[in-house]
């Protein structure tokens, strides 16, 4: 899948390559099966120079590909051309800041939902192996009041402050990525204005 924005280099190449009826005829002829330039010239009743010109433009635009190479009886290289298997989507550039922020608000909502789901699954994932559902809840309750485990002696004093759990780390990392993406998009948006 290729997303094109009007005005970018690849979109211009594609527009130039398919602008003529001859190029469209070549594309339609290649829908059936891959063919050589000679096959296309005879099938479409076009001069070989015209066929080669349009094939080069279509190759440069990324619409065609060389499927295989054969050799004639005289030892000449003959290329077999086929349509490139791809989906082309033309989408306009985002021009207003509101739609940009709406896109990232949706992404932020997804990060919140994923963080809540991870937080809900954390007790199950952090329980010792072999415990059932009720045992997990009991273990979590006992662990929080310190019944099952004795504190390990430590030569180093405990670090005061916030212990970063995996769910909080995921949430903060996601927020950082969104902030960086917003800064990048705003910079690109301002440069295009």
C-alpha atoms as a PDB file:
ATOM      1  CA  UNK A   1       0.000   0.000   0.000  1.00  0.00           C
ATOM      2  CA  UNK A   2       1.378   3.384  -1.027  1.00  0.00           C
ATOM      3  CA  UNK A   3      -0.109   6.642   0.278  1.00  0.00           C
ATOM      4  CA  UNK A   4       0.469   9.574  -2.056  1.00  0.00           C
ATOM      5  CA  UNK A   5      -0.046  13.218  -1.290  1.00  0.00           C
ATOM      6  CA  UNK A   6      -0.948  15.514  -4.182  1.00  0.00           C
ATOM      7  CA  UNK A   7       2.117  17.375  -5.331  1.00  0.00           C
ATOM      8  CA  UNK A   8       4.779  15.040  -3.960  1.00  0.00           C
ATOM      9  CA  UNK A   9       7.405  13.678  -6.357  1.00  0.00           C
ATOM     10  CA  UNK A  10       6.005  10.155  -6.677  1.00  0.00           C
ATOM     11  CA  UNK A  11       2.470  11.434  -7.342  1.00  0.00           C
ATOM     12  CA  UNK A  12       3.822  13.694 -10.077  1.00  0.00           C
ATOM     13  CA  UNK A  13       5.694  10.783 -11.682  1.00  0.00           C
ATOM     14  CA  UNK A  14       2.568   8.635 -11.633  1.00  0.00           C
ATOM     15  CA  UNK A  15       0.462  11.471 -13.053  1.00  0.00           C
ATOM     16  CA  UNK A  16       2.960  12.000 -15.881  1.00  0.00           C
ATOM     17  CA  UNK A  17       3.235   8.265 -16.572  1.00  0.00           C
ATOM     18  CA  UNK A  18      -0.521   7.657 -16.917  1.00  0.00           C
ATOM     19  CA  UNK A  19      -1.402  10.944 -18.628  1.00  0.00           C
ATOM     20  CA  UNK A  20      -1.528   9.483 -22.138  1.00  0.00           C
ATOM     21  CA  UNK A  21      -3.952   6.996 -23.651  1.00  0.00           C
ATOM     22  CA  UNK A  22      -1.021   4.839 -24.816  1.00  0.00           C
ATOM     23  CA  UNK A  23       0.182   4.368 -21.223  1.00  0.00           C
ATOM     24  CA  UNK A  24      -3.332   3.430 -20.114  1.00  0.00           C
ATOM     25  CA  UNK A  25      -3.573   0.925 -22.973  1.00  0.00           C
ATOM     26  CA  UNK A  26      -0.291  -0.653 -21.828  1.00  0.00           C
ATOM     27  CA  UNK A  27      -1.562  -0.918 -18.249  1.00  0.00           C
ATOM     28  CA  UNK A  28      -4.803  -2.550 -19.430  1.00  0.00           C
ATOM     29  CA  UNK A  29      -2.901  -4.994 -21.651  1.00  0.00           C
ATOM     30  CA  UNK A  30      -0.700  -6.030 -18.710  1.00  0.00           C
ATOM     31  CA  UNK A  31      -3.718  -6.792 -16.520  1.00  0.00           C
ATOM     32  CA  UNK A  32      -4.212 -10.076 -18.366  1.00  0.00           C
ATOM     33  CA  UNK A  33      -0.652 -11.360 -17.984  1.00  0.00           C
ATOM     34  CA  UNK A  34       2.960 -10.103 -18.054  1.00  0.00           C
ATOM     35  CA  UNK A  35       4.283  -9.300 -21.539  1.00  0.00           C
ATOM     36  CA  UNK A  36       7.416  -8.190 -23.342  1.00  0.00           C
ATOM     37  CA  UNK A  37       7.715  -4.831 -25.087  1.00  0.00           C
ATOM     38  CA  UNK A  38       7.457  -6.652 -28.424  1.00  0.00           C
ATOM     39  CA  UNK A  39       4.243  -8.388 -27.340  1.00  0.00           C
ATOM     40  CA  UNK A  40       2.775  -5.036 -26.263  1.00  0.00           C
ATOM     41  CA  UNK A  41       3.787  -3.345 -29.522  1.00  0.00           C
ATOM     42  CA  UNK A  42       2.126  -6.031 -31.627  1.00  0.00           C
ATOM     43  CA  UNK A  43      -0.966  -6.381 -29.403  1.00  0.00           C
ATOM     44  CA  UNK A  44      -1.613  -2.631 -29.255  1.00  0.00           C
ATOM     45  CA  UNK A  45      -0.400  -1.846 -32.795  1.00  0.00           C
ATOM     46  CA  UNK A  46       2.031   0.800 -31.480  1.00  0.00           C
ATOM     47  CA  UNK A  47       5.547   1.635 -32.598  1.00  0.00           C
ATOM     48  CA  UNK A  48       8.220  -0.028 -30.450  1.00  0.00           C
ATOM     49  CA  UNK A  49       9.717   3.382 -29.534  1.00  0.00           C
ATOM     50  CA  UNK A  50       6.380   4.565 -28.122  1.00  0.00           C
ATOM     51  CA  UNK A  51       5.932   1.373 -26.110  1.00  0.00           C
ATOM     52  CA  UNK A  52       9.460   1.589 -24.675  1.00  0.00           C
ATOM     53  CA  UNK A  53       9.010   5.275 -23.776  1.00  0.00           C
ATOM     54  CA  UNK A  54       5.820   4.579 -21.827  1.00  0.00           C
ATOM     55  CA  UNK A  55       7.248   1.438 -20.200  1.00  0.00           C
ATOM     56  CA  UNK A  56      10.217   3.470 -18.904  1.00  0.00           C
ATOM     57  CA  UNK A  57       7.864   6.124 -17.471  1.00  0.00           C
ATOM     58  CA  UNK A  58       5.664   3.468 -15.848  1.00  0.00           C
ATOM     59  CA  UNK A  59       8.724   1.710 -14.386  1.00  0.00           C
ATOM     60  CA  UNK A  60      10.086   5.011 -13.059  1.00  0.00           C
ATOM     61  CA  UNK A  61       6.695   5.776 -11.465  1.00  0.00           C
ATOM     62  CA  UNK A  62       6.683   2.358  -9.778  1.00  0.00           C
ATOM     63  CA  UNK A  63       3.575   1.070 -11.554  1.00  0.00           C
ATOM     64  CA  UNK A  64       5.350  -1.687 -13.505  1.00  0.00           C
ATOM     65  CA  UNK A  65       8.053  -4.155 -12.611  1.00  0.00           C
ATOM     66  CA  UNK A  66      10.296  -6.514 -14.524  1.00  0.00           C
ATOM     67  CA  UNK A  67       8.941  -9.965 -13.786  1.00  0.00           C
ATOM     68  CA  UNK A  68      11.619 -11.977 -15.566  1.00  0.00           C
ATOM     69  CA  UNK A  69      14.361 -11.745 -18.146  1.00  0.00           C
ATOM     70  CA  UNK A  70      14.524 -14.058 -21.155  1.00  0.00           C
ATOM     71  CA  UNK A  71      17.095 -14.397 -23.902  1.00  0.00           C
ATOM     72  CA  UNK A  72      16.296 -14.552 -27.600  1.00  0.00           C
ATOM     73  CA  UNK A  73      17.833 -17.047 -30.023  1.00  0.00           C
ATOM     74  CA  UNK A  74      20.400 -14.367 -30.908  1.00  0.00           C
ATOM     75  CA  UNK A  75      21.285 -13.890 -27.235  1.00  0.00           C
ATOM     76  CA  UNK A  76      19.509 -10.569 -26.709  1.00  0.00           C
ATOM     77  CA  UNK A  77      18.033  -9.818 -23.319  1.00  0.00           C
ATOM     78  CA  UNK A  78      14.218  -9.595 -23.366  1.00  0.00           C
ATOM     79  CA  UNK A  79      12.435  -8.230 -20.298  1.00  0.00           C
ATOM     80  CA  UNK A  80       8.962  -9.345 -19.323  1.00  0.00           C
ATOM     81  CA  UNK A  81       6.919  -6.563 -17.701  1.00  0.00           C
ATOM     82  CA  UNK A  82       4.006  -6.883 -15.307  1.00  0.00           C
ATOM     83  CA  UNK A  83       1.884  -4.680 -13.097  1.00  0.00           C
ATOM     84  CA  UNK A  84       3.297  -4.063  -9.650  1.00  0.00           C
ATOM     85  CA  UNK A  85       0.959  -5.539  -7.022  1.00  0.00           C
ATOM     86  CA  UNK A  86       0.182  -2.528  -4.857  1.00  0.00           C
ATOM     87  CA  UNK A  87      -2.630  -0.333  -3.639  1.00  0.00           C
ATOM     88  CA  UNK A  88      -2.281   3.385  -4.341  1.00  0.00           C
ATOM     89  CA  UNK A  89      -4.136   5.837  -2.117  1.00  0.00           C
ATOM     90  CA  UNK A  90      -4.168   9.556  -2.796  1.00  0.00           C
ATOM     91  CA  UNK A  91      -4.794  11.528   0.384  1.00  0.00           C
ATOM     92  CA  UNK A  92      -4.600  15.289   0.896  1.00  0.00           C
ATOM     93  CA  UNK A  93      -2.122  16.791   3.311  1.00  0.00           C
ATOM     94  CA  UNK A  94      -3.405  17.736   6.738  1.00  0.00           C
ATOM     95  CA  UNK A  95      -3.732  21.512   6.542  1.00  0.00           C
ATOM     96  CA  UNK A  96      -5.351  22.549   9.805  1.00  0.00           C
ATOM     97  CA  UNK A  97      -4.089  22.109  13.331  1.00  0.00           C
ATOM     98  CA  UNK A  98      -7.515  20.957  14.616  1.00  0.00           C
ATOM     99  CA  UNK A  99      -7.515  17.749  12.542  1.00  0.00           C
ATOM    100  CA  UNK A 100      -3.914  17.125  13.571  1.00  0.00           C
ATOM    101  CA  UNK A 101      -4.759  17.387  17.277  1.00  0.00           C
ATOM    102  CA  UNK A 102      -7.884  15.252  16.809  1.00  0.00           C
ATOM    103  CA  UNK A 103      -5.733  12.496  15.301  1.00  0.00           C
ATOM    104  CA  UNK A 104      -3.389  12.505  18.282  1.00  0.00           C
ATOM    105  CA  UNK A 105      -6.236  12.742  20.794  1.00  0.00           C
ATOM    106  CA  UNK A 106      -7.500   9.455  19.373  1.00  0.00           C
ATOM    107  CA  UNK A 107      -4.026   7.942  19.738  1.00  0.00           C
ATOM    108  CA  UNK A 108      -3.869   9.188  23.341  1.00  0.00           C
ATOM    109  CA  UNK A 109      -7.215   7.497  24.035  1.00  0.00           C
ATOM    110  CA  UNK A 110      -5.830   4.216  22.704  1.00  0.00           C
ATOM    111  CA  UNK A 111      -2.798   4.512  25.012  1.00  0.00           C
ATOM    112  CA  UNK A 112      -5.089   5.143  28.004  1.00  0.00           C
ATOM    113  CA  UNK A 113      -7.211   2.076  27.173  1.00  0.00           C
ATOM    114  CA  UNK A 114      -4.110  -0.094  26.705  1.00  0.00           C
ATOM    115  CA  UNK A 115      -2.698   1.154  30.034  1.00  0.00           C
ATOM    116  CA  UNK A 116      -5.954   0.377  31.874  1.00  0.00           C
ATOM    117  CA  UNK A 117      -6.038  -3.102  30.306  1.00  0.00           C
ATOM    118  CA  UNK A 118      -2.415  -3.707  31.286  1.00  0.00           C
ATOM    119  CA  UNK A 119      -3.126  -2.506  34.841  1.00  0.00           C
ATOM    120  CA  UNK A 120      -6.093  -4.905  35.073  1.00  0.00           C
ATOM    121  CA  UNK A 121      -3.915  -7.823  33.919  1.00  0.00           C
ATOM    122  CA  UNK A 122      -0.907  -6.944  36.101  1.00  0.00           C
ATOM    123  CA  UNK A 123      -2.011  -8.991  39.190  1.00  0.00           C
ATOM    124  CA  UNK A 124      -2.476 -12.089  37.051  1.00  0.00           C
ATOM    125  CA  UNK A 125       0.878 -11.677  35.324  1.00  0.00           C
ATOM    126  CA  UNK A 126       2.828 -10.951  38.519  1.00  0.00           C
ATOM    127  CA  UNK A 127       1.466 -13.894  40.590  1.00  0.00           C
ATOM    128  CA  UNK A 128       3.716 -16.908  41.231  1.00  0.00           C
ATOM    129  CA  UNK A 129       3.147 -19.822  38.838  1.00  0.00           C
ATOM    130  CA  UNK A 130       0.479 -22.381  39.770  1.00  0.00           C
ATOM    131  CA  UNK A 131      -1.966 -20.008  41.439  1.00  0.00           C
ATOM    132  CA  UNK A 132      -5.641 -19.911  40.481  1.00  0.00           C
ATOM    133  CA  UNK A 133      -7.841 -16.797  40.247  1.00  0.00           C
ATOM    134  CA  UNK A 134      -8.865 -16.712  43.937  1.00  0.00           C
ATOM    135  CA  UNK A 135      -5.324 -17.524  45.027  1.00  0.00           C
ATOM    136  CA  UNK A 136      -4.018 -14.556  43.014  1.00  0.00           C
ATOM    137  CA  UNK A 137      -6.352 -12.132  44.803  1.00  0.00           C
ATOM    138  CA  UNK A 138      -5.394 -13.610  48.189  1.00  0.00           C
ATOM    139  CA  UNK A 139      -1.690 -13.489  47.313  1.00  0.00           C
ATOM    140  CA  UNK A 140      -1.952  -9.868  46.148  1.00  0.00           C
ATOM    141  CA  UNK A 141      -3.717  -8.889  49.371  1.00  0.00           C
ATOM    142  CA  UNK A 142      -1.207 -10.727  51.568  1.00  0.00           C
ATOM    143  CA  UNK A 143       1.738  -9.360  49.616  1.00  0.00           C
ATOM    144  CA  UNK A 144       0.501  -5.819  50.086  1.00  0.00           C
ATOM    145  CA  UNK A 145       0.436  -6.222  53.889  1.00  0.00           C
ATOM    146  CA  UNK A 146       3.625  -8.315  54.004  1.00  0.00           C
ATOM    147  CA  UNK A 147       2.275 -11.593  55.400  1.00  0.00           C
ATOM    148  CA  UNK A 148       3.898 -14.066  52.989  1.00  0.00           C
ATOM    149  CA  UNK A 149       7.336 -12.582  52.569  1.00  0.00           C
ATOM    150  CA  UNK A 150       9.902 -11.299  54.985  1.00  0.00           C
ATOM    151  CA  UNK A 151      11.819  -8.253  53.934  1.00  0.00           C
ATOM    152  CA  UNK A 152      15.210  -9.149  52.598  1.00  0.00           C
ATOM    153  CA  UNK A 153      18.127  -7.676  54.495  1.00  0.00           C
ATOM    154  CA  UNK A 154      19.814  -4.962  52.488  1.00  0.00           C
ATOM    155  CA  UNK A 155      23.177  -3.346  52.891  1.00  0.00           C
ATOM    156  CA  UNK A 156      22.024  -0.408  50.773  1.00  0.00           C
ATOM    157  CA  UNK A 157      19.423   2.012  52.063  1.00  0.00           C
ATOM    158  CA  UNK A 158      16.195   1.926  50.052  1.00  0.00           C
ATOM    159  CA  UNK A 159      15.836   4.651  47.449  1.00  0.00           C
ATOM    160  CA  UNK A 160      13.223   7.173  48.433  1.00  0.00           C
ATOM    161  CA  UNK A 161      10.772   8.260  45.727  1.00  0.00           C
ATOM    162  CA  UNK A 162       8.445   6.815  43.136  1.00  0.00           C
ATOM    163  CA  UNK A 163       8.949   3.223  42.065  1.00  0.00           C
ATOM    164  CA  UNK A 164       8.105   3.130  38.354  1.00  0.00           C
ATOM    165  CA  UNK A 165       5.891   0.160  37.589  1.00  0.00           C
ATOM    166  CA  UNK A 166       5.598  -1.260  34.059  1.00  0.00           C
ATOM    167  CA  UNK A 167       2.104   0.136  33.410  1.00  0.00           C
ATOM    168  CA  UNK A 168       3.131   3.664  34.372  1.00  0.00           C
ATOM    169  CA  UNK A 169       6.285   3.323  32.264  1.00  0.00           C
ATOM    170  CA  UNK A 170       4.178   2.231  29.276  1.00  0.00           C
ATOM    171  CA  UNK A 171       1.767   5.137  29.737  1.00  0.00           C
ATOM    172  CA  UNK A 172       4.521   7.744  30.116  1.00  0.00           C
ATOM    173  CA  UNK A 173       6.439   6.311  27.160  1.00  0.00           C
ATOM    174  CA  UNK A 174       3.320   6.461  25.000  1.00  0.00           C
ATOM    175  CA  UNK A 175       2.677  10.054  26.041  1.00  0.00           C
ATOM    176  CA  UNK A 176       6.284  10.980  25.230  1.00  0.00           C
ATOM    177  CA  UNK A 177       6.008   9.450  21.753  1.00  0.00           C
ATOM    178  CA  UNK A 178       2.751  11.343  21.101  1.00  0.00           C
ATOM    179  CA  UNK A 179       4.312  14.626  22.237  1.00  0.00           C
ATOM    180  CA  UNK A 180       7.313  14.093  19.952  1.00  0.00           C
ATOM    181  CA  UNK A 181       5.036  13.250  17.006  1.00  0.00           C
ATOM    182  CA  UNK A 182       2.923  16.362  17.622  1.00  0.00           C
ATOM    183  CA  UNK A 183       6.031  18.562  17.739  1.00  0.00           C
ATOM    184  CA  UNK A 184       7.257  17.033  14.477  1.00  0.00           C
ATOM    185  CA  UNK A 185       3.886  17.425  12.711  1.00  0.00           C
ATOM    186  CA  UNK A 186       3.479  21.033  13.861  1.00  0.00           C
ATOM    187  CA  UNK A 187       6.984  21.834  12.607  1.00  0.00           C
ATOM    188  CA  UNK A 188       6.212  20.258   9.219  1.00  0.00           C
ATOM    189  CA  UNK A 189       2.820  21.998   9.089  1.00  0.00           C
ATOM    190  CA  UNK A 190       4.387  25.409   9.778  1.00  0.00           C
ATOM    191  CA  UNK A 191       7.081  24.839   7.162  1.00  0.00           C
ATOM    192  CA  UNK A 192       4.408  24.047   4.527  1.00  0.00           C
ATOM    193  CA  UNK A 193       2.378  27.198   5.264  1.00  0.00           C
END
